[in-house]
Full PDB file with SEQRES, HELIX, SHEET, SSBOND, CRYST1, ORIGX, SCALE, CONECT and MASTER records, all heavy atoms in Angstrom:
SEQRES   1 A   41  VAL ARG THR PRO PRO ALA CYS ALA ARG ALA CYS GLN GLY          
SEQRES   2 A   41  ARG ALA THR LEU ASP THR LEU VAL LEU HIS ARG LEU SER          
SEQRES   3 A   41  GLU ALA SER GLY GLU ALA THR ARG LEU ARG GLY ALA ASP          
SEQRES   4 A   41  GLY ARG                                                      
HELIX    1 AA1 PRO A    5  ALA A   10  5                                   6    
HELIX    2 AA2 SER A   29  THR A   33  1                                   5    
CRYST1    1.000    1.000    1.000  90.00  90.00  90.00 P 1           1          
ORIGX1      1.000000  0.000000  0.000000        0.00000                         
ORIGX2      0.000000  1.000000  0.000000        0.00000                         
ORIGX3      0.000000  0.000000  1.000000        0.00000                         
SCALE1      1.000000  0.000000  0.000000        0.00000                         
SCALE2      0.000000  1.000000  0.000000        0.00000                         
SCALE3      0.000000  0.000000  1.000000        0.00000                         
ATOM      1  N   VAL A   1       4.760  13.378   0.706  1.00  0.00           N  
ATOM      2  CA  VAL A   1       3.526  14.132   0.485  1.00  0.00           C  
ATOM      3  C   VAL A   1       3.056  13.958  -0.952  1.00  0.00           C  
ATOM      4  O   VAL A   1       1.865  13.819  -1.226  1.00  0.00           O  
ATOM      5  CB  VAL A   1       3.732  15.621   0.824  1.00  0.00           C  
ATOM      6  CG1 VAL A   1       2.515  16.449   0.435  1.00  0.00           C  
ATOM      7  CG2 VAL A   1       4.043  15.780   2.303  1.00  0.00           C  
ATOM      8  N   ARG A   2       3.982  13.951  -1.881  1.00  0.00           N  
ATOM      9  CA  ARG A   2       3.650  13.736  -3.299  1.00  0.00           C  
ATOM     10  C   ARG A   2       4.536  12.619  -3.837  1.00  0.00           C  
ATOM     11  O   ARG A   2       5.747  12.738  -3.870  1.00  0.00           O  
ATOM     12  CB  ARG A   2       3.903  14.995  -4.110  1.00  0.00           C  
ATOM     13  CG  ARG A   2       3.030  16.135  -3.719  1.00  0.00           C  
ATOM     14  CD  ARG A   2       2.308  16.679  -4.949  1.00  0.00           C  
ATOM     15  NE  ARG A   2       1.560  17.870  -4.618  1.00  0.00           N  
ATOM     16  CZ  ARG A   2       0.280  17.838  -4.255  1.00  0.00           C  
ATOM     17  NH1 ARG A   2      -0.344  16.714  -4.184  1.00  0.00           N  
ATOM     18  NH2 ARG A   2      -0.352  18.953  -3.977  1.00  0.00           N  
ATOM     19  N   THR A   3       3.893  11.538  -4.254  1.00  0.00           N  
ATOM     20  CA  THR A   3       4.628  10.477  -4.926  1.00  0.00           C  
ATOM     21  C   THR A   3       4.686  10.848  -6.411  1.00  0.00           C  
ATOM     22  O   THR A   3       3.897  11.679  -6.878  1.00  0.00           O  
ATOM     23  CB  THR A   3       3.941   9.105  -4.734  1.00  0.00           C  
ATOM     24  OG1 THR A   3       2.589   9.190  -5.150  1.00  0.00           O  
ATOM     25  CG2 THR A   3       4.018   8.652  -3.280  1.00  0.00           C  
ATOM     26  N   PRO A   4       5.601  10.262  -7.173  1.00  0.00           N  
ATOM     27  CA  PRO A   4       5.705  10.586  -8.602  1.00  0.00           C  
ATOM     28  C   PRO A   4       4.380  10.319  -9.339  1.00  0.00           C  
ATOM     29  O   PRO A   4       3.630   9.404  -8.974  1.00  0.00           O  
ATOM     30  CB  PRO A   4       6.798   9.648  -9.106  1.00  0.00           C  
ATOM     31  CG  PRO A   4       7.613   9.333  -7.889  1.00  0.00           C  
ATOM     32  CD  PRO A   4       6.645   9.319  -6.752  1.00  0.00           C  
ATOM     33  N   PRO A   5       4.101  11.087 -10.384  1.00  0.00           N  
ATOM     34  CA  PRO A   5       2.872  10.878 -11.165  1.00  0.00           C  
ATOM     35  C   PRO A   5       2.725   9.440 -11.676  1.00  0.00           C  
ATOM     36  O   PRO A   5       1.604   8.944 -11.810  1.00  0.00           O  
ATOM     37  CB  PRO A   5       3.008  11.870 -12.321  1.00  0.00           C  
ATOM     38  CG  PRO A   5       3.924  12.930 -11.809  1.00  0.00           C  
ATOM     39  CD  PRO A   5       4.872  12.237 -10.866  1.00  0.00           C  
ATOM     40  N   ALA A   6       3.837   8.750 -11.926  1.00  0.00           N  
ATOM     41  CA  ALA A   6       3.786   7.368 -12.417  1.00  0.00           C  
ATOM     42  C   ALA A   6       3.111   6.431 -11.414  1.00  0.00           C  
ATOM     43  O   ALA A   6       2.585   5.381 -11.790  1.00  0.00           O  
ATOM     44  CB  ALA A   6       5.196   6.878 -12.733  1.00  0.00           C  
ATOM     45  N   CYS A   7       3.092   6.795 -10.147  1.00  0.00           N  
ATOM     46  CA  CYS A   7       2.470   5.943  -9.123  1.00  0.00           C  
ATOM     47  C   CYS A   7       0.954   5.883  -9.277  1.00  0.00           C  
ATOM     48  O   CYS A   7       0.319   4.953  -8.782  1.00  0.00           O  
ATOM     49  CB  CYS A   7       2.839   6.440  -7.732  1.00  0.00           C  
ATOM     50  SG  CYS A   7       4.610   6.319  -7.369  1.00  0.00           S  
ATOM     51  N   ALA A   8       0.374   6.847  -9.982  1.00  0.00           N  
ATOM     52  CA  ALA A   8      -1.077   6.869 -10.190  1.00  0.00           C  
ATOM     53  C   ALA A   8      -1.543   5.654 -10.989  1.00  0.00           C  
ATOM     54  O   ALA A   8      -2.712   5.253 -10.896  1.00  0.00           O  
ATOM     55  CB  ALA A   8      -1.494   8.159 -10.884  1.00  0.00           C  
ATOM     56  N   ARG A   9      -0.644   5.021 -11.752  1.00  0.00           N  
ATOM     57  CA  ARG A   9      -1.012   3.826 -12.531  1.00  0.00           C  
ATOM     58  C   ARG A   9      -1.406   2.653 -11.647  1.00  0.00           C  
ATOM     59  O   ARG A   9      -2.115   1.756 -12.082  1.00  0.00           O  
ATOM     60  CB  ARG A   9       0.132   3.409 -13.445  1.00  0.00           C  
ATOM     61  CG  ARG A   9       0.238   4.307 -14.660  1.00  0.00           C  
ATOM     62  CD  ARG A   9       1.396   3.890 -15.489  1.00  0.00           C  
ATOM     63  NE  ARG A   9       2.380   4.939 -15.270  1.00  0.00           N  
ATOM     64  CZ  ARG A   9       3.476   5.120 -15.954  1.00  0.00           C  
ATOM     65  NH1 ARG A   9       3.803   4.288 -16.889  1.00  0.00           N  
ATOM     66  NH2 ARG A   9       4.281   6.109 -15.702  1.00  0.00           N  
ATOM     67  N   ALA A  10      -0.952   2.669 -10.399  1.00  0.00           N  
ATOM     68  CA  ALA A  10      -1.292   1.595  -9.463  1.00  0.00           C  
ATOM     69  C   ALA A  10      -2.635   1.844  -8.782  1.00  0.00           C  
ATOM     70  O   ALA A  10      -3.090   1.015  -8.000  1.00  0.00           O  
ATOM     71  CB  ALA A  10      -0.198   1.468  -8.405  1.00  0.00           C  
ATOM     72  N   CYS A  11      -3.254   2.976  -9.086  1.00  0.00           N  
ATOM     73  CA  CYS A  11      -4.459   3.390  -8.361  1.00  0.00           C  
ATOM     74  C   CYS A  11      -5.680   3.496  -9.262  1.00  0.00           C  
ATOM     75  O   CYS A  11      -5.565   3.693 -10.469  1.00  0.00           O  
ATOM     76  CB  CYS A  11      -4.210   4.743  -7.703  1.00  0.00           C  
ATOM     77  SG  CYS A  11      -2.838   4.716  -6.522  1.00  0.00           S  
ATOM     78  N   GLN A  12      -6.846   3.383  -8.641  1.00  0.00           N  
ATOM     79  CA  GLN A  12      -8.127   3.564  -9.312  1.00  0.00           C  
ATOM     80  C   GLN A  12      -8.874   4.700  -8.616  1.00  0.00           C  
ATOM     81  O   GLN A  12      -8.708   4.916  -7.408  1.00  0.00           O  
ATOM     82  CB  GLN A  12      -8.989   2.307  -9.197  1.00  0.00           C  
ATOM     83  CG  GLN A  12      -8.418   1.092  -9.840  1.00  0.00           C  
ATOM     84  CD  GLN A  12      -9.267  -0.139  -9.525  1.00  0.00           C  
ATOM     85  OE1 GLN A  12     -10.141  -0.112  -8.673  1.00  0.00           O  
ATOM     86  NE2 GLN A  12      -8.987  -1.226 -10.225  1.00  0.00           N  
ATOM     87  N   GLY A  13      -9.714   5.378  -9.368  1.00  0.00           N  
ATOM     88  CA  GLY A  13     -10.519   6.451  -8.792  1.00  0.00           C  
ATOM     89  C   GLY A  13      -9.647   7.567  -8.249  1.00  0.00           C  
ATOM     90  O   GLY A  13      -8.652   7.942  -8.857  1.00  0.00           O  
ATOM     91  N   ARG A  14     -10.005   8.059  -7.097  1.00  0.00           N  
ATOM     92  CA  ARG A  14      -9.251   9.162  -6.480  1.00  0.00           C  
ATOM     93  C   ARG A  14      -8.208   8.688  -5.482  1.00  0.00           C  
ATOM     94  O   ARG A  14      -7.582   9.500  -4.802  1.00  0.00           O  
ATOM     95  CB  ARG A  14     -10.221  10.109  -5.778  1.00  0.00           C  
ATOM     96  CG  ARG A  14     -11.158  10.818  -6.741  1.00  0.00           C  
ATOM     97  CD  ARG A  14     -12.143  11.625  -5.978  1.00  0.00           C  
ATOM     98  NE  ARG A  14     -12.713  10.740  -4.959  1.00  0.00           N  
ATOM     99  CZ  ARG A  14     -13.883  10.891  -4.390  1.00  0.00           C  
ATOM    100  NH1 ARG A  14     -14.621  11.898  -4.701  1.00  0.00           N  
ATOM    101  NH2 ARG A  14     -14.324  10.044  -3.491  1.00  0.00           N  
ATOM    102  N   ALA A  15      -8.030   7.389  -5.354  1.00  0.00           N  
ATOM    103  CA  ALA A  15      -7.049   6.856  -4.403  1.00  0.00           C  
ATOM    104  C   ALA A  15      -5.638   7.258  -4.830  1.00  0.00           C  
ATOM    105  O   ALA A  15      -5.354   7.439  -6.004  1.00  0.00           O  
ATOM    106  CB  ALA A  15      -7.156   5.342  -4.324  1.00  0.00           C  
ATOM    107  N   THR A  16      -4.765   7.385  -3.840  1.00  0.00           N  
ATOM    108  CA  THR A  16      -3.386   7.793  -4.087  1.00  0.00           C  
ATOM    109  C   THR A  16      -2.470   7.193  -3.020  1.00  0.00           C  
ATOM    110  O   THR A  16      -2.927   6.820  -1.938  1.00  0.00           O  
ATOM    111  CB  THR A  16      -3.272   9.331  -4.085  1.00  0.00           C  
ATOM    112  OG1 THR A  16      -1.911   9.697  -4.284  1.00  0.00           O  
ATOM    113  CG2 THR A  16      -3.746   9.932  -2.779  1.00  0.00           C  
ATOM    114  N   LEU A  17      -1.203   7.131  -3.326  1.00  0.00           N  
ATOM    115  CA  LEU A  17      -0.193   6.688  -2.361  1.00  0.00           C  
ATOM    116  C   LEU A  17       0.419   7.876  -1.612  1.00  0.00           C  
ATOM    117  O   LEU A  17       1.235   7.676  -0.716  1.00  0.00           O  
ATOM    118  CB  LEU A  17       0.911   5.904  -3.072  1.00  0.00           C  
ATOM    119  CG  LEU A  17       0.477   4.601  -3.744  1.00  0.00           C  
ATOM    120  CD1 LEU A  17       1.640   3.989  -4.521  1.00  0.00           C  
ATOM    121  CD2 LEU A  17      -0.065   3.615  -2.721  1.00  0.00           C  
ATOM    122  N   ASP A  18       0.010   9.081  -1.968  1.00  0.00           N  
ATOM    123  CA  ASP A  18       0.553  10.287  -1.335  1.00  0.00           C  
ATOM    124  C   ASP A  18       0.262  10.302   0.174  1.00  0.00           C  
ATOM    125  O   ASP A  18      -0.821   9.921   0.613  1.00  0.00           O  
ATOM    126  CB  ASP A  18      -0.065  11.548  -1.944  1.00  0.00           C  
ATOM    127  CG  ASP A  18       0.265  11.726  -3.409  1.00  0.00           C  
ATOM    128  OD1 ASP A  18       1.142  11.008  -3.919  1.00  0.00           O  
ATOM    129  OD2 ASP A  18      -0.374  12.585  -4.045  1.00  0.00           O  
ATOM    130  N   THR A  19       1.247  10.762   0.936  1.00  0.00           N  
ATOM    131  CA  THR A  19       1.107  11.019   2.369  1.00  0.00           C  
ATOM    132  C   THR A  19       0.614   9.812   3.169  1.00  0.00           C  
ATOM    133  O   THR A  19      -0.047   9.957   4.183  1.00  0.00           O  
ATOM    134  CB  THR A  19       0.165  12.230   2.614  1.00  0.00           C  
ATOM    135  OG1 THR A  19       0.438  13.242   1.667  1.00  0.00           O  
ATOM    136  CG2 THR A  19       0.396  12.829   3.983  1.00  0.00           C  
ATOM    137  N   LEU A  20       0.931   8.636   2.728  1.00  0.00           N  
ATOM    138  CA  LEU A  20       0.527   7.426   3.435  1.00  0.00           C  
ATOM    139  C   LEU A  20       1.375   7.283   4.697  1.00  0.00           C  
ATOM    140  O   LEU A  20       2.605   7.388   4.651  1.00  0.00           O  
ATOM    141  CB  LEU A  20       0.730   6.221   2.513  1.00  0.00           C  
ATOM    142  CG  LEU A  20       0.194   4.874   2.960  1.00  0.00           C  
ATOM    143  CD1 LEU A  20      -1.306   4.932   3.200  1.00  0.00           C  
ATOM    144  CD2 LEU A  20       0.515   3.822   1.912  1.00  0.00           C  
ATOM    145  N   VAL A  21       0.735   7.094   5.833  1.00  0.00           N  
ATOM    146  CA  VAL A  21       1.423   6.875   7.113  1.00  0.00           C  
ATOM    147  C   VAL A  21       0.897   5.574   7.689  1.00  0.00           C  
ATOM    148  O   VAL A  21      -0.308   5.412   7.888  1.00  0.00           O  
ATOM    149  CB  VAL A  21       1.172   8.036   8.110  1.00  0.00           C  
ATOM    150  CG1 VAL A  21       1.830   7.741   9.447  1.00  0.00           C  
ATOM    151  CG2 VAL A  21       1.658   9.355   7.544  1.00  0.00           C  
ATOM    152  N   LEU A  22       1.803   4.645   7.934  1.00  0.00           N  
ATOM    153  CA  LEU A  22       1.427   3.320   8.420  1.00  0.00           C  
ATOM    154  C   LEU A  22       2.208   2.983   9.684  1.00  0.00           C  
ATOM    155  O   LEU A  22       3.339   3.423   9.865  1.00  0.00           O  
ATOM    156  CB  LEU A  22       1.721   2.272   7.352  1.00  0.00           C  
ATOM    157  CG  LEU A  22       1.027   2.500   6.012  1.00  0.00           C  
ATOM    158  CD1 LEU A  22       1.730   1.747   4.903  1.00  0.00           C  
ATOM    159  CD2 LEU A  22      -0.424   2.098   6.109  1.00  0.00           C  
ATOM    160  N   HIS A  23       1.589   2.192  10.542  1.00  0.00           N  
ATOM    161  CA  HIS A  23       2.223   1.766  11.791  1.00  0.00           C  
ATOM    162  C   HIS A  23       2.497   0.270  11.733  1.00  0.00           C  
ATOM    163  O   HIS A  23       1.667  -0.503  11.244  1.00  0.00           O  
ATOM    164  CB  HIS A  23       1.317   2.076  12.990  1.00  0.00           C  
ATOM    165  CG  HIS A  23       1.019   3.523  13.123  1.00  0.00           C  
ATOM    166  ND1 HIS A  23       1.853   4.388  13.773  1.00  0.00           N  
ATOM    167  CD2 HIS A  23      -0.012   4.258  12.640  1.00  0.00           C  
ATOM    168  CE1 HIS A  23       1.339   5.608  13.705  1.00  0.00           C  
ATOM    169  NE2 HIS A  23       0.207   5.560  13.020  1.00  0.00           N  
ATOM    170  N   ARG A  24       3.645  -0.119  12.257  1.00  0.00           N  
ATOM    171  CA  ARG A  24       4.016  -1.537  12.236  1.00  0.00           C  
ATOM    172  C   ARG A  24       3.123  -2.311  13.202  1.00  0.00           C  
ATOM    173  O   ARG A  24       3.019  -1.980  14.376  1.00  0.00           O  
ATOM    174  CB  ARG A  24       5.469  -1.706  12.643  1.00  0.00           C  
ATOM    175  CG  ARG A  24       5.963  -3.123  12.493  1.00  0.00           C  
ATOM    176  CD  ARG A  24       7.356  -3.253  13.010  1.00  0.00           C  
ATOM    177  NE  ARG A  24       8.252  -3.602  11.926  1.00  0.00           N  
ATOM    178  CZ  ARG A  24       9.558  -3.725  12.074  1.00  0.00           C  
ATOM    179  NH1 ARG A  24      10.126  -3.485  13.226  1.00  0.00           N  
ATOM    180  NH2 ARG A  24      10.309  -4.052  11.059  1.00  0.00           N  
ATOM    181  N   LEU A  25       2.476  -3.345  12.668  1.00  0.00           N  
ATOM    182  CA  LEU A  25       1.621  -4.205  13.479  1.00  0.00           C  
ATOM    183  C   LEU A  25       2.307  -5.516  13.819  1.00  0.00           C  
ATOM    184  O   LEU A  25       1.962  -6.160  14.805  1.00  0.00           O  
ATOM    185  CB  LEU A  25       0.314  -4.520  12.743  1.00  0.00           C  
ATOM    186  CG  LEU A  25      -0.571  -3.337  12.385  1.00  0.00           C  
ATOM    187  CD1 LEU A  25      -1.835  -3.826  11.702  1.00  0.00           C  
ATOM    188  CD2 LEU A  25      -0.912  -2.525  13.617  1.00  0.00           C  
ATOM    189  N   SER A  26       3.249  -5.937  12.979  1.00  0.00           N  
ATOM    190  CA  SER A  26       3.915  -7.219  13.183  1.00  0.00           C  
ATOM    191  C   SER A  26       5.313  -7.163  12.585  1.00  0.00           C  
ATOM    192  O   SER A  26       5.522  -6.548  11.551  1.00  0.00           O  
ATOM    193  CB  SER A  26       3.110  -8.330  12.508  1.00  0.00           C  
ATOM    194  OG  SER A  26       3.840  -9.539  12.516  1.00  0.00           O  
ATOM    195  N   GLU A  27       6.236  -7.836  13.248  1.00  0.00           N  
ATOM    196  CA  GLU A  27       7.599  -7.966  12.740  1.00  0.00           C  
ATOM    197  C   GLU A  27       7.816  -9.339  12.114  1.00  0.00           C  
ATOM    198  O   GLU A  27       8.898  -9.633  11.631  1.00  0.00           O  
ATOM    199  CB  GLU A  27       8.601  -7.777  13.876  1.00  0.00           C  
ATOM    200  CG  GLU A  27       8.536  -6.418  14.521  1.00  0.00           C  
ATOM    201  CD  GLU A  27       9.445  -6.322  15.734  1.00  0.00           C  
ATOM    202  OE1 GLU A  27      10.186  -7.277  16.028  1.00  0.00           O  
ATOM    203  OE2 GLU A  27       9.397  -5.274  16.392  1.00  0.00           O  
ATOM    204  N   ALA A  28       6.803 -10.168  12.125  1.00  0.00           N  
ATOM    205  CA  ALA A  28       6.931 -11.549  11.668  1.00  0.00           C  
ATOM    206  C   ALA A  28       6.884 -11.634  10.146  1.00  0.00           C  
ATOM    207  O   ALA A  28       5.901 -11.244   9.522  1.00  0.00           O  
ATOM    208  CB  ALA A  28       5.823 -12.406  12.273  1.00  0.00           C  
ATOM    209  N   SER A  29       7.944 -12.145   9.559  1.00  0.00           N  
ATOM    210  CA  SER A  29       8.001 -12.271   8.105  1.00  0.00           C  
ATOM    211  C   SER A  29       6.965 -13.263   7.595  1.00  0.00           C  
ATOM    212  O   SER A  29       6.417 -13.101   6.508  1.00  0.00           O  
ATOM    213  CB  SER A  29       9.404 -12.663   7.654  1.00  0.00           C  
ATOM    214  OG  SER A  29       9.770 -13.903   8.226  1.00  0.00           O  
ATOM    215  N   GLY A  30       6.667 -14.284   8.385  1.00  0.00           N  
ATOM    216  CA  GLY A  30       5.660 -15.259   7.988  1.00  0.00           C  
ATOM    217  C   GLY A  30       4.292 -14.619   7.818  1.00  0.00           C  
ATOM    218  O   GLY A  30       3.543 -14.946   6.889  1.00  0.00           O  
ATOM    219  N   GLU A  31       3.935 -13.719   8.705  1.00  0.00           N  
ATOM    220  CA  GLU A  31       2.655 -13.006   8.584  1.00  0.00           C  
ATOM    221  C   GLU A  31       2.675 -12.067   7.384  1.00  0.00           C  
ATOM    222  O   GLU A  31       1.683 -11.947   6.674  1.00  0.00           O  
ATOM    223  CB  GLU A  31       2.354 -12.223   9.854  1.00  0.00           C  
ATOM    224  CG  GLU A  31       1.996 -13.073  11.030  1.00  0.00           C  
ATOM    225  CD  GLU A  31       1.698 -12.275  12.282  1.00  0.00           C  
ATOM    226  OE1 GLU A  31       1.936 -11.056  12.327  1.00  0.00           O  
ATOM    227  OE2 GLU A  31       1.216 -12.894  13.229  1.00  0.00           O  
ATOM    228  N   ALA A  32       3.806 -11.417   7.172  1.00  0.00           N  
ATOM    229  CA  ALA A  32       3.914 -10.469   6.053  1.00  0.00           C  
ATOM    230  C   ALA A  32       3.718 -11.157   4.712  1.00  0.00           C  
ATOM    231  O   ALA A  32       3.118 -10.589   3.802  1.00  0.00           O  
ATOM    232  CB  ALA A  32       5.258  -9.747   6.096  1.00  0.00           C  
ATOM    233  N   THR A  33       4.176 -12.392   4.574  1.00  0.00           N  
ATOM    234  CA  THR A  33       4.029 -13.099   3.299  1.00  0.00           C  
ATOM    235  C   THR A  33       2.581 -13.517   3.045  1.00  0.00           C  
ATOM    236  O   THR A  33       2.220 -13.819   1.908  1.00  0.00           O  
ATOM    237  CB  THR A  33       4.921 -14.357   3.226  1.00  0.00           C  
ATOM    238  OG1 THR A  33       4.570 -15.249   4.286  1.00  0.00           O  
ATOM    239  CG2 THR A  33       6.387 -13.993   3.310  1.00  0.00           C  
ATOM    240  N   ARG A  34       1.737 -13.514   4.079  1.00  0.00           N  
ATOM    241  CA  ARG A  34       0.332 -13.912   3.924  1.00  0.00           C  
ATOM    242  C   ARG A  34      -0.632 -12.720   3.862  1.00  0.00           C  
ATOM    243  O   ARG A  34      -1.843 -12.922   3.761  1.00  0.00           O  
ATOM    244  CB  ARG A  34      -0.065 -14.851   5.061  1.00  0.00           C  
ATOM    245  CG  ARG A  34       0.648 -16.194   4.982  1.00  0.00           C  
ATOM    246  CD  ARG A  34       0.153 -17.189   6.007  1.00  0.00           C  
ATOM    247  NE  ARG A  34       0.234 -16.752   7.387  1.00  0.00           N  
ATOM    248  CZ  ARG A  34       1.298 -16.873   8.164  1.00  0.00           C  
ATOM    249  NH1 ARG A  34       2.402 -17.400   7.692  1.00  0.00           N  
ATOM    250  NH2 ARG A  34       1.268 -16.479   9.417  1.00  0.00           N  
ATOM    251  N   LEU A  35      -0.126 -11.503   3.898  1.00  0.00           N  
ATOM    252  CA  LEU A  35      -0.982 -10.317   3.867  1.00  0.00           C  
ATOM    253  C   LEU A  35      -1.602 -10.144   2.490  1.00  0.00           C  
ATOM    254  O   LEU A  35      -0.925 -10.245   1.472  1.00  0.00           O  
ATOM    255  CB  LEU A  35      -0.167  -9.072   4.235  1.00  0.00           C  
ATOM    256  CG  LEU A  35      -0.961  -7.781   4.365  1.00  0.00           C  
ATOM    257  CD1 LEU A  35      -1.913  -7.849   5.560  1.00  0.00           C  
ATOM    258  CD2 LEU A  35      -0.015  -6.598   4.525  1.00  0.00           C  
ATOM    259  N   ARG A  36      -2.893  -9.862   2.459  1.00  0.00           N  
ATOM    260  CA  ARG A  36      -3.623  -9.670   1.198  1.00  0.00           C  
ATOM    261  C   ARG A  36      -3.997  -8.208   1.021  1.00  0.00           C  
ATOM    262  O   ARG A  36      -4.269  -7.494   1.971  1.00  0.00           O  
ATOM    263  CB  ARG A  36      -4.876 -10.534   1.165  1.00  0.00           C  
ATOM    264  CG  ARG A  36      -4.521 -12.013   1.162  1.00  0.00           C  
ATOM    265  CD  ARG A  36      -5.703 -12.901   0.922  1.00  0.00           C  
ATOM    266  NE  ARG A  36      -5.307 -14.297   0.929  1.00  0.00           N  
ATOM    267  CZ  ARG A  36      -4.889 -14.965  -0.129  1.00  0.00           C  
ATOM    268  NH1 ARG A  36      -4.824 -14.374  -1.299  1.00  0.00           N  
ATOM    269  NH2 ARG A  36      -4.545 -16.242  -0.038  1.00  0.00           N  
ATOM    270  N   GLY A  37      -4.029  -7.799  -0.241  1.00  0.00           N  
ATOM    271  CA  GLY A  37      -4.369  -6.433  -0.580  1.00  0.00           C  
ATOM    272  C   GLY A  37      -5.848  -6.258  -0.865  1.00  0.00           C  
ATOM    273  O   GLY A  37      -6.641  -7.198  -0.751  1.00  0.00           O  
ATOM    274  N   ALA A  38      -6.230  -5.059  -1.290  1.00  0.00           N  
ATOM    275  CA  ALA A  38      -7.616  -4.743  -1.592  1.00  0.00           C  
ATOM    276  C   ALA A  38      -8.151  -5.577  -2.738  1.00  0.00           C  
ATOM    277  O   ALA A  38      -9.366  -5.740  -2.881  1.00  0.00           O  
ATOM    278  CB  ALA A  38      -7.739  -3.254  -1.913  1.00  0.00           C  
ATOM    279  N   ASP A  39      -7.266  -6.138  -3.560  1.00  0.00           N  
ATOM    280  CA  ASP A  39      -7.696  -6.980  -4.685  1.00  0.00           C  
ATOM    281  C   ASP A  39      -7.820  -8.457  -4.291  1.00  0.00           C  
ATOM    282  O   ASP A  39      -8.130  -9.302  -5.107  1.00  0.00           O  
ATOM    283  CB  ASP A  39      -6.737  -6.841  -5.861  1.00  0.00           C  
ATOM    284  CG  ASP A  39      -5.300  -7.243  -5.525  1.00  0.00           C  
ATOM    285  OD1 ASP A  39      -5.029  -7.609  -4.355  1.00  0.00           O  
ATOM    286  OD2 ASP A  39      -4.449  -7.172  -6.425  1.00  0.00           O  
ATOM    287  N   GLY A  40      -7.567  -8.771  -3.009  1.00  0.00           N  
ATOM    288  CA  GLY A  40      -7.680 -10.141  -2.519  1.00  0.00           C  
ATOM    289  C   GLY A  40      -6.450 -11.001  -2.736  1.00  0.00           C  
ATOM    290  O   GLY A  40      -6.389 -12.129  -2.277  1.00  0.00           O  
ATOM    291  N   ARG A  41      -5.453 -10.466  -3.427  1.00  0.00           N  
ATOM    292  CA  ARG A  41      -4.240 -11.232  -3.716  1.00  0.00           C  
ATOM    293  C   ARG A  41      -3.161 -10.959  -2.660  1.00  0.00           C  
ATOM    294  O   ARG A  41      -3.168  -9.918  -2.009  1.00  0.00           O  
ATOM    295  CB  ARG A  41      -3.707 -10.862  -5.092  1.00  0.00           C  
ATOM    296  CG  ARG A  41      -4.664 -11.257  -6.187  1.00  0.00           C  
ATOM    297  CD  ARG A  41      -4.097 -10.950  -7.534  1.00  0.00           C  
ATOM    298  NE  ARG A  41      -5.023 -11.353  -8.573  1.00  0.00           N  
ATOM    299  CZ  ARG A  41      -4.976 -10.926  -9.806  1.00  0.00           C  
ATOM    300  NH1 ARG A  41      -4.021 -10.088 -10.171  1.00  0.00           N  
ATOM    301  NH2 ARG A  41      -5.847 -11.340 -10.678  1.00  0.00           N  
TER     302      ARG A  41                                                      
MASTER        0    0    0    2    0    0    0    6  301    1    0    4          
END                                                                             
């Protein structure tokens, strides 16, 4: 529910890592290595 305050350094604006709930879409490691983030990397 609350990540450490230091985690805010990874965020911009009001975004947060708190209370993140994610569902597994793939078990393939090959796909996982090609996943891109919001920054395009």
